[in-house]
Amino acid sequence: MRSFIPLQAPLIETSHPDASYCYREYQPSANLSPYVAAYWTLDVRSSVRPPQHRILPDGCVDIIFDLRSRSASECAFVAGVMTAPDAFLMTEDHALFGVRFYSETVRLFTRYPVSEFRNAQVFLHEIWGRDGAEFGERIMTAADTIRRIEQMEAYLSNRLNRADIAHDAILLQGLRYLYDEKGMLSVRSLADKLHYSERTVRRAFQKELGIGPKEMTDIIRFQYLLRELLHARSYRYPDIAAKYGYSDQSHFIHTFKRFYGATPQQVFQAPYSPG
């Protein structure tokens, strides 16, 4: 079982103006859990008080289906690894279905390195061809979320069985080390563990992910920190921050805001004090 289970803001920010906003996550089957972090849905109805939707960097890659799209060929697109949060008001109706992949194994399904999806909207039919467009239509017309997940599981399992793309060994093992250490590993230490030079490790991450190992390390560490803060009482926040290497208040708040777009106090409604 994976120790790294990324969090997204809607699971933390549970209070919304009304029932016009609904975000849910669903676990993959056991055989796909090494590759898929979660399936998710987002349903929004226009409201006099539009809800804010926040997306956090999580080190993952998503395939997103717009269930209200007028075009089956352009209903789905791939979103690459994010390095900064994004937040926006949702003033229109939305119905989205997404699959969140771990970045070190998603190439088995996309055939392209994650770096190809950085700073660009890549439609699913551009990487899966006609098969992708036809599958997008099946997802759009499925009766409900359970049927969509069933179809997605069958489709991904089939693609996995036919995959002829090898893992990038440096990226695969490197991220395993980063998950094991909860992101608290320097690039030099990571390179030593992998028995490669720092330059080689940086080049491998940049080529495959479009970001360097330091950025990925920071994202993973933040995600572990975020999950621990979410389930802790406020008086433990200073100890948790110190555990993840944030020894002073300004360092902790600056890093948290860098990846969340808000301060810990704004998110958890509790002041942070290192004591």
Protein backbone atom coordinates (compact mmCIF):
# COMPACT_ATOMS: atom_id res chain seq x y z
CA MET A 1 0.00 0.00 0.00
CA ARG A 2 1.31 3.44 -0.91
CA SER A 3 2.26 5.80 1.89
CA PHE A 4 1.82 8.85 -0.33
CA ILE A 5 -1.85 9.75 -0.69
CA PRO A 6 -2.08 13.35 -1.98
CA LEU A 7 -4.65 15.77 -0.63
CA GLN A 8 -6.66 18.35 -2.51
CA ALA A 9 -8.17 21.49 -0.97
CA PRO A 10 -11.88 20.52 -1.24
CA LEU A 11 -11.25 17.69 1.24
CA ILE A 12 -9.93 20.27 3.70
CA GLU A 13 -12.18 23.24 3.01
CA THR A 14 -15.44 21.47 3.78
CA SER A 15 -17.60 24.57 4.31
CA HIS A 16 -19.24 26.08 1.24
CA PRO A 17 -22.07 28.63 0.86
CA ASP A 18 -24.65 26.01 -0.05
CA ALA A 19 -25.12 22.65 -1.73
CA SER A 20 -24.13 24.07 -5.12
CA TYR A 21 -20.59 22.66 -4.78
CA CYS A 22 -19.76 18.98 -4.35
CA TYR A 23 -16.31 17.37 -4.62
CA ARG A 24 -15.78 13.65 -3.97
CA GLU A 25 -12.95 11.15 -4.26
CA TYR A 26 -13.09 7.40 -4.89
CA GLN A 27 -10.37 4.80 -4.38
CA PRO A 28 -9.09 2.68 -7.29
CA SER A 29 -9.09 -1.10 -7.29
CA ALA A 30 -6.14 -2.90 -5.72
CA ASN A 31 -4.51 -3.74 -9.05
CA LEU A 32 -4.58 -0.09 -10.18
CA SER A 33 -3.66 1.48 -6.83
CA PRO A 34 0.08 1.52 -7.69
CA TYR A 35 -0.77 3.82 -10.59
CA VAL A 36 -3.97 5.71 -9.69
CA ALA A 37 -4.17 7.88 -6.57
CA ALA A 38 -7.92 8.54 -6.86
CA TYR A 39 -10.91 9.05 -9.08
CA TRP A 40 -12.75 12.28 -8.36
CA THR A 41 -15.85 14.23 -9.27
CA LEU A 42 -16.70 17.92 -9.07
CA ASP A 43 -20.28 19.13 -9.52
CA VAL A 44 -21.09 22.83 -9.37
CA ARG A 45 -24.36 24.64 -9.89
CA SER A 46 -24.35 28.39 -10.48
CA SER A 47 -25.16 30.28 -7.30
CA VAL A 48 -25.59 33.83 -6.06
CA ARG A 49 -22.51 33.12 -3.94
CA PRO A 50 -20.12 31.30 -6.31
CA PRO A 51 -17.89 28.81 -4.48
CA GLN A 52 -14.13 29.05 -4.71
CA HIS A 53 -12.34 26.01 -6.08
CA ARG A 54 -8.71 25.61 -5.09
CA ILE A 55 -6.21 23.22 -6.68
CA LEU A 56 -3.02 22.29 -4.85
CA PRO A 57 0.28 20.98 -6.18
CA ASP A 58 0.27 17.25 -5.43
CA GLY A 59 2.96 15.78 -7.68
CA CYS A 60 0.34 13.98 -9.76
CA VAL A 61 -1.06 14.05 -13.30
CA ASP A 62 -4.81 14.17 -13.99
CA ILE A 63 -6.97 13.21 -16.92
CA ILE A 64 -10.09 15.37 -16.64
CA PHE A 65 -13.42 14.78 -18.41
CA ASP A 66 -15.80 17.71 -18.87
CA LEU A 67 -19.15 15.95 -18.79
CA ARG A 68 -20.90 19.05 -20.11
CA SER A 69 -18.66 19.40 -23.14
CA ARG A 70 -20.35 19.80 -26.52
CA SER A 71 -17.57 17.86 -28.22
CA ALA A 72 -16.73 14.25 -27.36
CA SER A 73 -13.34 14.65 -29.00
CA GLU A 74 -12.45 17.57 -26.75
CA CYS A 75 -14.22 16.57 -23.55
CA ALA A 76 -11.06 15.22 -21.92
CA PHE A 77 -7.60 16.66 -21.41
CA VAL A 78 -4.41 15.93 -19.48
CA ALA A 79 -3.19 18.22 -16.69
CA GLY A 80 0.49 17.90 -15.82
CA VAL A 81 2.35 18.40 -12.55
CA MET A 82 1.56 21.74 -10.87
CA THR A 83 4.16 23.67 -8.88
CA ALA A 84 1.88 26.43 -7.57
CA PRO A 85 -1.71 26.50 -6.30
CA ASP A 86 -4.61 27.92 -8.27
CA ALA A 87 -7.92 29.27 -6.95
CA PHE A 88 -10.89 30.68 -8.79
CA LEU A 89 -14.59 31.35 -8.35
CA MET A 90 -16.86 28.91 -10.17
CA THR A 91 -19.57 31.13 -11.61
CA GLU A 92 -20.98 28.57 -14.07
CA ASP A 93 -22.31 25.02 -13.88
CA HIS A 94 -19.65 22.31 -14.02
CA ALA A 95 -19.66 18.52 -14.03
CA LEU A 96 -16.17 17.01 -14.05
CA PHE A 97 -14.82 13.49 -13.69
CA GLY A 98 -11.11 13.01 -13.12
CA VAL A 99 -8.44 10.35 -12.73
CA ARG A 100 -5.39 11.29 -10.64
CA PHE A 101 -2.27 9.34 -11.62
CA TYR A 102 1.07 9.04 -9.86
CA SER A 103 3.54 10.86 -12.05
CA GLU A 104 6.24 8.17 -12.06
CA THR A 105 3.93 5.56 -13.63
CA VAL A 106 1.46 7.56 -15.73
CA ARG A 107 3.62 7.15 -18.83
CA LEU A 108 2.48 3.52 -18.97
CA PHE A 109 -0.94 4.91 -19.93
CA THR A 110 -0.08 8.08 -21.85
CA ARG A 111 3.09 6.86 -23.62
CA TYR A 112 4.50 10.38 -23.27
CA PRO A 113 6.64 11.85 -20.48
CA VAL A 114 4.81 14.10 -18.04
CA SER A 115 6.94 17.02 -19.21
CA GLU A 116 4.91 17.04 -22.46
CA PHE A 117 1.86 18.20 -20.48
CA ARG A 118 3.50 21.15 -18.72
CA ASN A 119 2.05 24.59 -19.54
CA ALA A 120 -0.18 23.17 -22.28
CA GLN A 121 -3.68 21.77 -22.60
CA VAL A 122 -3.34 18.39 -24.30
CA PHE A 123 -6.60 16.75 -25.33
CA LEU A 124 -6.93 13.04 -24.71
CA HIS A 125 -7.56 12.26 -28.39
CA GLU A 126 -4.14 13.77 -29.17
CA ILE A 127 -2.43 10.99 -27.22
CA TRP A 128 -4.96 8.12 -27.53
CA GLY A 129 -6.20 8.91 -31.03
CA ARG A 130 -9.67 7.85 -32.16
CA ASP A 131 -9.77 5.38 -29.30
CA GLY A 132 -9.46 8.29 -26.88
CA ALA A 133 -12.32 10.22 -28.50
CA GLU A 134 -14.58 7.16 -28.46
CA PHE A 135 -13.73 6.41 -24.86
CA GLY A 136 -14.40 10.04 -23.90
CA GLU A 137 -17.88 9.72 -25.36
CA ARG A 138 -18.51 6.57 -23.31
CA ILE A 139 -17.47 8.37 -20.14
CA MET A 140 -19.72 11.34 -20.96
CA THR A 141 -22.76 9.18 -21.59
CA ALA A 142 -22.30 6.75 -18.68
CA ALA A 143 -25.28 6.62 -16.32
CA ASP A 144 -23.42 7.68 -13.17
CA THR A 145 -20.06 7.90 -11.42
CA ILE A 146 -19.93 4.22 -10.50
CA ARG A 147 -20.34 3.25 -14.18
CA ARG A 148 -17.68 5.76 -15.18
CA ILE A 149 -15.25 4.30 -12.68
CA GLU A 150 -16.02 0.76 -13.86
CA GLN A 151 -15.38 1.76 -17.47
CA MET A 152 -12.22 3.62 -16.53
CA GLU A 153 -10.89 0.68 -14.51
CA ALA A 154 -11.49 -1.73 -17.39
CA TYR A 155 -9.94 0.63 -19.92
CA LEU A 156 -6.85 1.41 -17.83
CA SER A 157 -6.32 -2.27 -16.99
CA ASN A 158 -6.43 -3.07 -20.68
CA ARG A 159 -3.93 -0.36 -21.53
CA LEU A 160 -1.68 -1.50 -18.69
CA ASN A 161 -1.70 -5.07 -19.99
CA ARG A 162 -0.71 -3.81 -23.45
CA ALA A 163 1.86 -1.26 -22.25
CA ASP A 164 5.23 -1.57 -23.95
CA ILE A 165 6.83 1.48 -22.33
CA ALA A 166 9.51 0.89 -19.70
CA HIS A 167 9.63 2.90 -16.49
CA ASP A 168 12.36 5.48 -16.18
CA ALA A 169 14.41 3.75 -13.49
CA ILE A 170 15.84 6.92 -11.95
CA LEU A 171 12.45 8.59 -11.66
CA LEU A 172 10.66 5.48 -10.40
CA GLN A 173 13.19 4.61 -7.70
CA GLY A 174 13.87 8.27 -6.92
CA LEU A 175 10.23 8.98 -6.12
CA ARG A 176 10.00 5.82 -4.05
CA TYR A 177 12.85 7.15 -1.92
CA LEU A 178 11.16 10.55 -1.65
CA TYR A 179 7.86 8.96 -0.58
CA ASP A 180 9.66 6.78 1.99
CA GLU A 181 11.41 9.84 3.44
CA LYS A 182 8.26 12.01 3.23
CA GLY A 183 10.09 14.47 1.02
CA MET A 184 12.80 15.13 3.59
CA LEU A 185 15.74 14.24 1.39
CA SER A 186 18.21 16.56 -0.28
CA VAL A 187 19.03 16.17 -3.97
CA ARG A 188 22.55 15.14 -2.99
CA SER A 189 21.26 12.44 -0.64
CA LEU A 190 18.80 11.26 -3.28
CA ALA A 191 21.59 11.03 -5.85
CA ASP A 192 23.73 9.04 -3.39
CA LYS A 193 20.90 6.58 -2.81
CA LEU A 194 20.39 6.19 -6.56
CA HIS A 195 24.14 5.89 -7.22
CA TYR A 196 24.04 8.61 -9.84
CA SER A 197 25.42 12.13 -9.98
CA GLU A 198 23.22 15.03 -8.94
CA ARG A 199 23.35 16.29 -12.51
CA THR A 200 22.05 12.98 -13.87
CA VAL A 201 19.20 12.91 -11.37
CA ARG A 202 18.22 16.51 -12.16
CA ARG A 203 18.24 15.79 -15.89
CA ALA A 204 16.10 12.66 -15.46
CA PHE A 205 13.45 14.48 -13.40
CA GLN A 206 13.43 17.47 -15.73
CA LYS A 207 13.12 15.27 -18.81
CA GLU A 208 10.32 13.10 -17.42
CA LEU A 209 8.38 15.52 -15.23
CA GLY A 210 9.25 18.97 -16.52
CA ILE A 211 10.39 19.98 -13.01
CA GLY A 212 13.52 19.27 -11.00
CA PRO A 213 13.91 16.90 -8.04
CA LYS A 214 14.06 19.79 -5.55
CA GLU A 215 10.62 21.07 -6.62
CA MET A 216 9.15 17.58 -6.49
CA THR A 217 10.72 16.99 -3.08
CA ASP A 218 9.17 20.21 -1.74
CA ILE A 219 5.72 19.24 -3.06
CA ILE A 220 5.88 15.76 -1.52
CA ARG A 221 7.04 17.11 1.84
CA PHE A 222 4.24 19.69 1.81
CA GLN A 223 1.64 17.03 1.05
CA TYR A 224 2.78 14.86 3.97
CA LEU A 225 2.82 17.92 6.23
CA LEU A 226 -0.67 18.94 5.09
CA ARG A 227 -2.19 15.54 5.85
CA GLU A 228 -0.64 15.44 9.30
CA LEU A 229 -1.83 18.96 10.11
CA LEU A 230 -5.34 18.11 8.93
CA HIS A 231 -5.69 15.26 11.41
CA ALA A 232 -3.90 16.89 14.34
CA ARG A 233 -5.02 19.18 17.13
CA SER A 234 -3.82 22.76 16.87
CA TYR A 235 -1.47 22.51 19.85
CA ARG A 236 0.58 19.93 17.90
CA TYR A 237 1.15 22.18 14.88
CA PRO A 238 4.54 23.52 16.08
CA ASP A 239 5.86 19.99 16.65
CA ILE A 240 4.59 18.82 13.25
CA ALA A 241 6.12 21.82 11.50
CA ALA A 242 9.47 21.13 13.19
CA LYS A 243 9.22 17.45 12.26
CA TYR A 244 9.13 18.42 8.59
CA GLY A 245 12.07 20.79 8.88
CA TYR A 246 10.23 24.08 9.44
CA SER A 247 12.06 25.28 12.51
CA ASP A 248 10.71 28.82 12.62
CA GLN A 249 7.35 30.46 12.03
CA SER A 250 8.27 32.55 8.98
CA HIS A 251 9.75 29.55 7.13
CA PHE A 252 6.70 27.43 7.86
CA ILE A 253 4.15 30.07 6.86
CA HIS A 254 6.07 31.09 3.72
CA THR A 255 6.28 27.49 2.46
CA PHE A 256 2.69 26.70 3.36
CA LYS A 257 1.43 29.78 1.52
CA ARG A 258 3.65 28.97 -1.46
CA PHE A 259 1.86 25.66 -2.01
CA TYR A 260 -1.59 26.42 -0.61
CA GLY A 261 -2.13 30.06 -1.51
CA ALA A 262 -3.27 30.82 2.04
CA THR A 263 -1.76 30.78 5.51
CA PRO A 264 -2.19 27.86 7.94
CA GLN A 265 -4.39 30.07 10.13
CA GLN A 266 -6.70 30.83 7.21
CA VAL A 267 -6.97 27.15 6.28
CA PHE A 268 -7.26 25.54 9.70
CA GLN A 269 -8.70 28.49 11.63
CA ALA A 270 -6.03 28.12 14.27
CA PRO A 271 -2.94 30.28 14.86
CA TYR A 272 0.50 28.78 14.38
CA SER A 273 3.05 29.47 17.06
CA PRO A 274 6.41 27.69 17.32
CA GLY A 275 6.45 28.28 21.06
